[in-house]
């Protein structure tokens, strides 16, 4: 199963990236996230482990599998019989390019 959500933000991609990569601050602006804790030191990078808590979902440990600064990151969580992959991608809209 694949699911997607798109959010349009009127800000430069670089500025949005600075907010997005600070995953421990997500609960400040994302109602779907209760808590985020980085389990490794340093900035978000491939191999970083992150514990995410969301309402009505058991706490989940994600591992960053891909990261392209100022563009995207992907993280994956696995559990008994399930694998969750979440990709966070920033794109400049056609209106912003015009």
PDB file of N, CA and C in Angstrom:
ATOM      1  N   UNK A   1       0.847  -1.174   0.000  1.00  0.00           N
ATOM      2  CA  UNK A   1       0.000   0.000   0.000  1.00  0.00           C
ATOM      3  C   UNK A   1       0.892   1.235   0.000  1.00  0.00           C
ATOM      4  N   UNK A   2       0.501   2.230  -0.769  1.00  0.00           N
ATOM      5  CA  UNK A   2       1.248   3.480  -0.815  1.00  0.00           C
ATOM      6  C   UNK A   2       0.286   4.618  -0.543  1.00  0.00           C
ATOM      7  N   UNK A   3       0.739   5.578   0.246  1.00  0.00           N
ATOM      8  CA  UNK A   3      -0.081   6.723   0.601  1.00  0.00           C
ATOM      9  C   UNK A   3       0.788   7.969   0.496  1.00  0.00           C
ATOM     10  N   UNK A   4       0.212   9.088   0.105  1.00  0.00           N
ATOM     11  CA  UNK A   4       0.990  10.309  -0.009  1.00  0.00           C
ATOM     12  C   UNK A   4       0.219  11.513   0.468  1.00  0.00           C
ATOM     13  N   UNK A   5       0.955  12.508   0.900  1.00  0.00           N
ATOM     14  CA  UNK A   5       0.379  13.772   1.324  1.00  0.00           C
ATOM     15  C   UNK A   5       1.247  14.882   0.764  1.00  0.00           C
ATOM     16  N   UNK A   6       0.626  15.933   0.289  1.00  0.00           N
ATOM     17  CA  UNK A   6       1.362  17.071  -0.246  1.00  0.00           C
ATOM     18  C   UNK A   6       0.954  18.305   0.534  1.00  0.00           C
ATOM     19  N   UNK A   7       1.936  19.099   0.913  1.00  0.00           N
ATOM     20  CA  UNK A   7       1.686  20.357   1.617  1.00  0.00           C
ATOM     21  C   UNK A   7       2.419  21.452   0.859  1.00  0.00           C
ATOM     22  N   UNK A   8       1.711  22.500   0.480  1.00  0.00           N
ATOM     23  CA  UNK A   8       2.330  23.630  -0.210  1.00  0.00           C
ATOM     24  C   UNK A   8       2.707  24.681   0.827  1.00  0.00           C
ATOM     25  N   UNK A   9       3.945  25.158   0.750  1.00  0.00           N
ATOM     26  CA  UNK A   9       4.464  26.152   1.688  1.00  0.00           C
ATOM     27  C   UNK A   9       5.034  27.298   0.874  1.00  0.00           C
ATOM     28  N   UNK A  10       4.656  28.513   1.228  1.00  0.00           N
ATOM     29  CA  UNK A  10       5.177  29.680   0.513  1.00  0.00           C
ATOM     30  C   UNK A  10       6.473  30.134   1.184  1.00  0.00           C
ATOM     31  N   UNK A  11       7.554  29.421   0.867  1.00  0.00           N
ATOM     32  CA  UNK A  11       8.875  29.745   1.403  1.00  0.00           C
ATOM     33  C   UNK A  11       9.915  29.087   0.506  1.00  0.00           C
ATOM     34  N   UNK A  12      11.123  29.630   0.494  1.00  0.00           N
ATOM     35  CA  UNK A  12      12.184  28.999  -0.298  1.00  0.00           C
ATOM     36  C   UNK A  12      12.475  27.579   0.195  1.00  0.00           C
ATOM     37  N   UNK A  13      12.816  26.685  -0.737  1.00  0.00           N
ATOM     38  CA  UNK A  13      13.099  25.294  -0.396  1.00  0.00           C
ATOM     39  C   UNK A  13      14.159  25.202   0.693  1.00  0.00           C
ATOM     40  N   UNK A  14      15.210  26.016   0.612  1.00  0.00           N
ATOM     41  CA  UNK A  14      16.280  25.960   1.604  1.00  0.00           C
ATOM     42  C   UNK A  14      15.765  26.275   3.009  1.00  0.00           C
ATOM     43  N   UNK A  15      14.849  27.211   3.118  1.00  0.00           N
ATOM     44  CA  UNK A  15      14.273  27.585   4.412  1.00  0.00           C
ATOM     45  C   UNK A  15      13.398  26.453   4.949  1.00  0.00           C
ATOM     46  N   UNK A  16      12.617  25.837   4.091  1.00  0.00           N
ATOM     47  CA  UNK A  16      11.773  24.718   4.511  1.00  0.00           C
ATOM     48  C   UNK A  16      12.647  23.541   4.940  1.00  0.00           C
ATOM     49  N   UNK A  17      13.736  23.305   4.222  1.00  0.00           N
ATOM     50  CA  UNK A  17      14.650  22.217   4.580  1.00  0.00           C
ATOM     51  C   UNK A  17      15.184  22.403   6.000  1.00  0.00           C
ATOM     52  N   UNK A  18      15.541  23.615   6.383  1.00  0.00           N
ATOM     53  CA  UNK A  18      16.071  23.867   7.719  1.00  0.00           C
ATOM     54  C   UNK A  18      15.058  23.469   8.800  1.00  0.00           C
ATOM     55  N   UNK A  19      13.788  23.677   8.525  1.00  0.00           N
ATOM     56  CA  UNK A  19      12.728  23.281   9.467  1.00  0.00           C
ATOM     57  C   UNK A  19      12.522  21.766   9.422  1.00  0.00           C
ATOM     58  N   UNK A  20      12.467  21.203   8.233  1.00  0.00           N
ATOM     59  CA  UNK A  20      12.193  19.773   8.074  1.00  0.00           C
ATOM     60  C   UNK A  20      13.284  18.903   8.694  1.00  0.00           C
ATOM     61  N   UNK A  21      14.547  19.275   8.535  1.00  0.00           N
ATOM     62  CA  UNK A  21      15.646  18.435   9.020  1.00  0.00           C
ATOM     63  C   UNK A  21      15.784  18.448  10.535  1.00  0.00           C
ATOM     64  N   UNK A  22      15.163  19.406  11.203  1.00  0.00           N
ATOM     65  CA  UNK A  22      15.169  19.453  12.670  1.00  0.00           C
ATOM     66  C   UNK A  22      14.010  18.591  13.183  1.00  0.00           C
ATOM     67  N   UNK A  23      14.126  17.280  12.995  1.00  0.00           N
ATOM     68  CA  UNK A  23      13.015  16.368  13.254  1.00  0.00           C
ATOM     69  C   UNK A  23      12.544  16.395  14.709  1.00  0.00           C
ATOM     70  N   UNK A  24      13.425  16.677  15.656  1.00  0.00           N
ATOM     71  CA  UNK A  24      13.002  16.711  17.057  1.00  0.00           C
ATOM     72  C   UNK A  24      12.044  17.863  17.348  1.00  0.00           C
ATOM     73  N   UNK A  25      11.936  18.822  16.433  1.00  0.00           N
ATOM     74  CA  UNK A  25      11.028  19.957  16.601  1.00  0.00           C
ATOM     75  C   UNK A  25       9.695  19.755  15.881  1.00  0.00           C
ATOM     76  N   UNK A  26       9.542  18.624  15.188  1.00  0.00           N
ATOM     77  CA  UNK A  26       8.294  18.378  14.464  1.00  0.00           C
ATOM     78  C   UNK A  26       7.038  18.512  15.326  1.00  0.00           C
ATOM     79  N   UNK A  27       7.042  18.064  16.591  1.00  0.00           N
ATOM     80  CA  UNK A  27       5.814  18.207  17.375  1.00  0.00           C
ATOM     81  C   UNK A  27       5.351  19.657  17.543  1.00  0.00           C
ATOM     82  N   UNK A  28       6.235  20.620  17.325  1.00  0.00           N
ATOM     83  CA  UNK A  28       5.855  22.035  17.426  1.00  0.00           C
ATOM     84  C   UNK A  28       4.917  22.456  16.304  1.00  0.00           C
ATOM     85  N   UNK A  29       4.979  21.784  15.164  1.00  0.00           N
ATOM     86  CA  UNK A  29       4.175  22.215  14.018  1.00  0.00           C
ATOM     87  C   UNK A  29       3.384  21.099  13.342  1.00  0.00           C
ATOM     88  N   UNK A  30       3.594  19.857  13.742  1.00  0.00           N
ATOM     89  CA  UNK A  30       2.873  18.737  13.124  1.00  0.00           C
ATOM     90  C   UNK A  30       1.976  18.065  14.158  1.00  0.00           C
ATOM     91  N   UNK A  31       0.679  18.249  14.024  1.00  0.00           N
ATOM     92  CA  UNK A  31      -0.266  17.678  14.990  1.00  0.00           C
ATOM     93  C   UNK A  31      -0.253  16.157  14.994  1.00  0.00           C
ATOM     94  N   UNK A  32       0.278  15.537  13.941  1.00  0.00           N
ATOM     95  CA  UNK A  32       0.306  14.073  13.849  1.00  0.00           C
ATOM     96  C   UNK A  32       1.525  13.467  14.536  1.00  0.00           C
ATOM     97  N   UNK A  33       2.356  14.305  15.148  1.00  0.00           N
ATOM     98  CA  UNK A  33       3.573  13.829  15.805  1.00  0.00           C
ATOM     99  C   UNK A  33       3.578  14.300  17.254  1.00  0.00           C
ATOM    100  N   UNK A  34       3.694  13.349  18.186  1.00  0.00           N
ATOM    101  CA  UNK A  34       3.708  13.658  19.613  1.00  0.00           C
ATOM    102  C   UNK A  34       5.123  13.920  20.114  1.00  0.00           C
ATOM    103  N   UNK A  35       6.081  13.105  19.646  1.00  0.00           N
ATOM    104  CA  UNK A  35       7.459  13.198  20.117  1.00  0.00           C
ATOM    105  C   UNK A  35       8.398  12.630  19.061  1.00  0.00           C
ATOM    106  N   UNK A  36       9.562  13.261  18.915  1.00  0.00           N
ATOM    107  CA  UNK A  36      10.617  12.748  18.042  1.00  0.00           C
ATOM    108  C   UNK A  36      11.927  12.877  18.807  1.00  0.00           C
ATOM    109  N   UNK A  37      12.689  11.788  18.834  1.00  0.00           N
ATOM    110  CA  UNK A  37      13.975  11.812  19.542  1.00  0.00           C
ATOM    111  C   UNK A  37      15.026  11.152  18.674  1.00  0.00           C
ATOM    112  N   UNK A  38      16.076  11.909  18.378  1.00  0.00           N
ATOM    113  CA  UNK A  38      17.206  11.338  17.637  1.00  0.00           C
ATOM    114  C   UNK A  38      17.976  10.424  18.582  1.00  0.00           C
ATOM    115  N   UNK A  39      18.305   9.236  18.120  1.00  0.00           N
ATOM    116  CA  UNK A  39      18.998   8.255  18.946  1.00  0.00           C
ATOM    117  C   UNK A  39      20.506   8.282  18.716  1.00  0.00           C
ATOM    118  N   UNK A  40      20.953   9.115  17.778  1.00  0.00           N
ATOM    119  CA  UNK A  40      22.375   9.250  17.464  1.00  0.00           C
ATOM    120  C   UNK A  40      22.762  10.717  17.553  1.00  0.00           C
ATOM    121  N   UNK A  41      24.041  10.988  17.801  1.00  0.00           N
ATOM    122  CA  UNK A  41      24.534  12.360  17.839  1.00  0.00           C
ATOM    123  C   UNK A  41      24.734  12.888  16.428  1.00  0.00           C
ATOM    124  N   UNK A  42      24.763  14.196  16.310  1.00  0.00           N
ATOM    125  CA  UNK A  42      25.050  14.826  15.032  1.00  0.00           C
ATOM    126  C   UNK A  42      23.803  15.104  14.226  1.00  0.00           C
ATOM    127  N   UNK A  43      23.993  15.756  13.077  1.00  0.00           N
ATOM    128  CA  UNK A  43      22.853  16.087  12.222  1.00  0.00           C
ATOM    129  C   UNK A  43      22.266  14.841  11.563  1.00  0.00           C
ATOM    130  N   UNK A  44      21.066  14.972  11.093  1.00  0.00           N
ATOM    131  CA  UNK A  44      20.396  13.884  10.383  1.00  0.00           C
ATOM    132  C   UNK A  44      21.258  13.451   9.201  1.00  0.00           C
ATOM    133  N   UNK A  45      21.514  12.146   9.086  1.00  0.00           N
ATOM    134  CA  UNK A  45      22.374  11.602   8.035  1.00  0.00           C
ATOM    135  C   UNK A  45      21.945  10.174   7.747  1.00  0.00           C
ATOM    136  N   UNK A  46      22.406   9.625   6.632  1.00  0.00           N
ATOM    137  CA  UNK A  46      22.134   8.219   6.325  1.00  0.00           C
ATOM    138  C   UNK A  46      22.649   7.384   7.498  1.00  0.00           C
ATOM    139  N   UNK A  47      21.796   6.498   7.987  1.00  0.00           N
ATOM    140  CA  UNK A  47      22.127   5.664   9.136  1.00  0.00           C
ATOM    141  C   UNK A  47      21.610   6.208  10.463  1.00  0.00           C
ATOM    142  N   UNK A  48      21.204   7.480  10.506  1.00  0.00           N
ATOM    143  CA  UNK A  48      20.654   8.048  11.738  1.00  0.00           C
ATOM    144  C   UNK A  48      19.409   7.288  12.164  1.00  0.00           C
ATOM    145  N   UNK A  49      19.299   7.054  13.472  1.00  0.00           N
ATOM    146  CA  UNK A  49      18.117   6.399  14.032  1.00  0.00           C
ATOM    147  C   UNK A  49      17.288   7.435  14.778  1.00  0.00           C
ATOM    148  N   UNK A  50      15.962   7.371  14.570  1.00  0.00           N
ATOM    149  CA  UNK A  50      15.055   8.353  15.144  1.00  0.00           C
ATOM    150  C   UNK A  50      13.825   7.631  15.693  1.00  0.00           C
ATOM    151  N   UNK A  51      13.453   7.939  16.936  1.00  0.00           N
ATOM    152  CA  UNK A  51      12.253   7.355  17.552  1.00  0.00           C
ATOM    153  C   UNK A  51      11.112   8.368  17.419  1.00  0.00           C
ATOM    154  N   UNK A  52      10.023   7.925  16.782  1.00  0.00           N
ATOM    155  CA  UNK A  52       8.870   8.787  16.523  1.00  0.00           C
ATOM    156  C   UNK A  52       7.664   8.243  17.271  1.00  0.00           C
ATOM    157  N   UNK A  53       6.975   9.138  17.981  1.00  0.00           N
ATOM    158  CA  UNK A  53       5.731   8.772  18.661  1.00  0.00           C
ATOM    159  C   UNK A  53       4.597   9.582  18.042  1.00  0.00           C
ATOM    160  N   UNK A  54       3.509   8.855  17.714  1.00  0.00           N
ATOM    161  CA  UNK A  54       2.336   9.469  17.116  1.00  0.00           C
ATOM    162  C   UNK A  54       1.091   8.955  17.832  1.00  0.00           C
ATOM    163  N   UNK A  55       0.022   9.757  17.844  1.00  0.00           N
ATOM    164  CA  UNK A  55      -1.207   9.299  18.491  1.00  0.00           C
ATOM    165  C   UNK A  55      -1.699   7.981  17.886  1.00  0.00           C
ATOM    166  N   UNK A  56      -2.100   7.064  18.723  1.00  0.00           N
ATOM    167  CA  UNK A  56      -2.704   5.773  18.358  1.00  0.00           C
ATOM    168  C   UNK A  56      -1.775   4.849  17.563  1.00  0.00           C
ATOM    169  N   UNK A  57      -0.472   5.144  17.549  1.00  0.00           N
ATOM    170  CA  UNK A  57       0.512   4.295  16.868  1.00  0.00           C
ATOM    171  C   UNK A  57       1.617   3.977  17.870  1.00  0.00           C
ATOM    172  N   UNK A  58       2.044   2.733  17.976  1.00  0.00           N
ATOM    173  CA  UNK A  58       3.142   2.424  18.900  1.00  0.00           C
ATOM    174  C   UNK A  58       4.401   3.221  18.524  1.00  0.00           C
ATOM    175  N   UNK A  59       5.231   3.599  19.503  1.00  0.00           N
ATOM    176  CA  UNK A  59       6.494   4.281  19.177  1.00  0.00           C
ATOM    177  C   UNK A  59       7.273   3.472  18.138  1.00  0.00           C
ATOM    178  N   UNK A  60       7.845   4.180  17.185  1.00  0.00           N
ATOM    179  CA  UNK A  60       8.493   3.533  16.051  1.00  0.00           C
ATOM    180  C   UNK A  60       9.903   4.076  15.869  1.00  0.00           C
ATOM    181  N   UNK A  61      10.863   3.166  15.632  1.00  0.00           N
ATOM    182  CA  UNK A  61      12.230   3.588  15.341  1.00  0.00           C
ATOM    183  C   UNK A  61      12.465   3.543  13.836  1.00  0.00           C
ATOM    184  N   UNK A  62      12.807   4.695  13.290  1.00  0.00           N
ATOM    185  CA  UNK A  62      13.116   4.824  11.870  1.00  0.00           C
ATOM    186  C   UNK A  62      14.628   4.942  11.692  1.00  0.00           C
ATOM    187  N   UNK A  63      15.114   4.480  10.554  1.00  0.00           N
ATOM    188  CA  UNK A  63      16.519   4.626  10.173  1.00  0.00           C
ATOM    189  C   UNK A  63      16.542   5.371   8.842  1.00  0.00           C
ATOM    190  N   UNK A  64      17.332   6.440   8.772  1.00  0.00           N
ATOM    191  CA  UNK A  64      17.451   7.206   7.530  1.00  0.00           C
ATOM    192  C   UNK A  64      18.212   6.359   6.515  1.00  0.00           C
ATOM    193  N   UNK A  65      17.594   6.146   5.357  1.00  0.00           N
ATOM    194  CA  UNK A  65      18.205   5.310   4.315  1.00  0.00           C
ATOM    195  C   UNK A  65      18.722   6.126   3.137  1.00  0.00           C
ATOM    196  N   UNK A  66      18.193   7.317   2.958  1.00  0.00           N
ATOM    197  CA  UNK A  66      18.631   8.210   1.881  1.00  0.00           C
ATOM    198  C   UNK A  66      18.525   9.642   2.382  1.00  0.00           C
ATOM    199  N   UNK A  67      19.456  10.486   1.938  1.00  0.00           N
ATOM    200  CA  UNK A  67      19.386  11.898   2.297  1.00  0.00           C
ATOM    201  C   UNK A  67      20.078  12.714   1.215  1.00  0.00           C
ATOM    202  N   UNK A  68      19.349  13.674   0.680  1.00  0.00           N
ATOM    203  CA  UNK A  68      19.894  14.629  -0.281  1.00  0.00           C
ATOM    204  C   UNK A  68      19.647  16.014   0.305  1.00  0.00           C
ATOM    205  N   UNK A  69      20.689  16.653   0.875  1.00  0.00           N
ATOM    206  CA  UNK A  69      20.505  17.947   1.558  1.00  0.00           C
ATOM    207  C   UNK A  69      19.718  18.955   0.717  1.00  0.00           C
ATOM    208  N   UNK A  70      18.853  19.664   1.398  1.00  0.00           N
ATOM    209  CA  UNK A  70      17.979  20.688   0.812  1.00  0.00           C
ATOM    210  C   UNK A  70      16.980  20.125  -0.192  1.00  0.00           C
ATOM    211  N   UNK A  71      16.818  18.802  -0.230  1.00  0.00           N
ATOM    212  CA  UNK A  71      15.902  18.196  -1.210  1.00  0.00           C
ATOM    213  C   UNK A  71      15.009  17.116  -0.607  1.00  0.00           C
ATOM    214  N   UNK A  72      15.618  16.096   0.059  1.00  0.00           N
ATOM    215  CA  UNK A  72      14.793  14.985   0.533  1.00  0.00           C
ATOM    216  C   UNK A  72      15.530  14.117   1.539  1.00  0.00           C
ATOM    217  N   UNK A  73      14.738  13.378   2.285  1.00  0.00           N
ATOM    218  CA  UNK A  73      15.277  12.254   3.045  1.00  0.00           C
ATOM    219  C   UNK A  73      14.215  11.181   3.140  1.00  0.00           C
ATOM    220  N   UNK A  74      14.687   9.948   3.246  1.00  0.00           N
ATOM    221  CA  UNK A  74      13.814   8.789   3.369  1.00  0.00           C
ATOM    222  C   UNK A  74      14.240   8.039   4.604  1.00  0.00           C
ATOM    223  N   UNK A  75      13.250   7.580   5.364  1.00  0.00           N
ATOM    224  CA  UNK A  75      13.576   6.720   6.496  1.00  0.00           C
ATOM    225  C   UNK A  75      12.662   5.519   6.502  1.00  0.00           C
ATOM    226  N   UNK A  76      13.122   4.457   7.140  1.00  0.00           N
ATOM    227  CA  UNK A  76      12.402   3.186   7.120  1.00  0.00           C
ATOM    228  C   UNK A  76      12.309   2.629   8.541  1.00  0.00           C
ATOM    229  N   UNK A  77      11.167   2.010   8.816  1.00  0.00           N
ATOM    230  CA  UNK A  77      10.952   1.302  10.078  1.00  0.00           C
ATOM    231  C   UNK A  77      10.461  -0.099   9.747  1.00  0.00           C
ATOM    232  N   UNK A  78      10.884  -1.059  10.535  1.00  0.00           N
ATOM    233  CA  UNK A  78      10.426  -2.431  10.333  1.00  0.00           C
ATOM    234  C   UNK A  78       9.877  -2.973  11.636  1.00  0.00           C
ATOM    235  N   UNK A  79       8.931  -3.866  11.513  1.00  0.00           N
ATOM    236  CA  UNK A  79       8.331  -4.542  12.656  1.00  0.00           C
ATOM    237  C   UNK A  79       7.837  -5.889  12.196  1.00  0.00           C
ATOM    238  N   UNK A  80       7.253  -6.643  13.096  1.00  0.00           N
ATOM    239  CA  UNK A  80       6.760  -7.969  12.715  1.00  0.00           C
ATOM    240  C   UNK A  80       5.772  -7.883  11.551  1.00  0.00           C
ATOM    241  N   UNK A  81       6.189  -8.359  10.398  1.00  0.00           N
ATOM    242  CA  UNK A  81       5.304  -8.411   9.236  1.00  0.00           C
ATOM    243  C   UNK A  81       5.043  -7.096   8.538  1.00  0.00           C
ATOM    244  N   UNK A  82       5.777  -6.048   8.884  1.00  0.00           N
ATOM    245  CA  UNK A  82       5.511  -4.753   8.253  1.00  0.00           C
ATOM    246  C   UNK A  82       6.812  -3.971   8.073  1.00  0.00           C
ATOM    247  N   UNK A  83       6.864  -3.219   6.968  1.00  0.00           N
ATOM    248  CA  UNK A  83       7.962  -2.285   6.734  1.00  0.00           C
ATOM    249  C   UNK A  83       7.328  -0.977   6.290  1.00  0.00           C
ATOM    250  N   UNK A  84       7.696   0.106   6.948  1.00  0.00           N
ATOM    251  CA  UNK A  84       7.180   1.421   6.613  1.00  0.00           C
ATOM    252  C   UNK A  84       8.315   2.265   6.067  1.00  0.00           C
ATOM    253  N   UNK A  85       8.108   2.833   4.899  1.00  0.00           N
ATOM    254  CA  UNK A  85       9.079   3.725   4.301  1.00  0.00           C
ATOM    255  C   UNK A  85       8.408   5.076   4.118  1.00  0.00           C
ATOM    256  N   UNK A  86       9.045   6.126   4.632  1.00  0.00           N
ATOM    257  CA  UNK A  86       8.493   7.474   4.506  1.00  0.00           C
ATOM    258  C   UNK A  86       9.518   8.362   3.813  1.00  0.00           C
ATOM    259  N   UNK A  87       9.094   8.967   2.718  1.00  0.00           N
ATOM    260  CA  UNK A  87       9.972   9.864   1.959  1.00  0.00           C
ATOM    261  C   UNK A  87       9.464  11.278   2.133  1.00  0.00           C
ATOM    262  N   UNK A  88      10.372  12.172   2.462  1.00  0.00           N
ATOM    263  CA  UNK A  88      10.060  13.584   2.657  1.00  0.00           C
ATOM    264  C   UNK A  88      10.800  14.348   1.571  1.00  0.00           C
ATOM    265  N   UNK A  89      10.057  14.884   0.603  1.00  0.00           N
ATOM    266  CA  UNK A  89      10.635  15.473  -0.588  1.00  0.00           C
ATOM    267  C   UNK A  89      10.197  16.933  -0.723  1.00  0.00           C
ATOM    268  N   UNK A  90      11.164  17.811  -0.958  1.00  0.00           N
ATOM    269  CA  UNK A  90      10.872  19.216  -1.192  1.00  0.00           C
ATOM    270  C   UNK A  90      11.025  19.517  -2.675  1.00  0.00           C
ATOM    271  N   UNK A  91      10.047  20.206  -3.224  1.00  0.00           N
ATOM    272  CA  UNK A  91      10.081  20.594  -4.629  1.00  0.00           C
ATOM    273  C   UNK A  91       9.673  22.063  -4.750  1.00  0.00           C
ATOM    274  N   UNK A  92      10.285  22.751  -5.658  1.00  0.00           N
ATOM    275  CA  UNK A  92       9.882  24.118  -5.963  1.00  0.00           C
ATOM    276  C   UNK A  92       8.669  24.041  -6.891  1.00  0.00           C
ATOM    277  N   UNK A  93       7.623  24.748  -6.547  1.00  0.00           N
ATOM    278  CA  UNK A  93       6.413  24.691  -7.372  1.00  0.00           C
ATOM    279  C   UNK A  93       6.601  25.466  -8.664  1.00  0.00           C
ATOM    280  N   UNK A  94       5.770  25.164  -9.639  1.00  0.00           N
ATOM    281  CA  UNK A  94       5.808  25.855 -10.929  1.00  0.00           C
ATOM    282  C   UNK A  94       5.557  27.350 -10.735  1.00  0.00           C
ATOM    283  N   UNK A  95       4.698  27.718  -9.797  1.00  0.00           N
ATOM    284  CA  UNK A  95       4.405  29.139  -9.543  1.00  0.00           C
ATOM    285  C   UNK A  95       5.633  29.856  -9.020  1.00  0.00           C
ATOM    286  N   UNK A  96       6.399  29.188  -8.155  1.00  0.00           N
ATOM    287  CA  UNK A  96       7.599  29.816  -7.596  1.00  0.00           C
ATOM    288  C   UNK A  96       8.689  29.980  -8.651  1.00  0.00           C
ATOM    289  N   UNK A  97       8.696  29.088  -9.652  1.00  0.00           N
ATOM    290  CA  UNK A  97       9.715  29.174 -10.716  1.00  0.00           C
ATOM    291  C   UNK A  97       9.361  30.250 -11.745  1.00  0.00           C
ATOM    292  N   UNK A  98       8.083  30.619 -11.811  1.00  0.00           N
ATOM    293  CA  UNK A  98       7.631  31.576 -12.842  1.00  0.00           C
ATOM    294  C   UNK A  98       8.041  33.012 -12.513  1.00  0.00           C
TER     295      UNK A  98
END
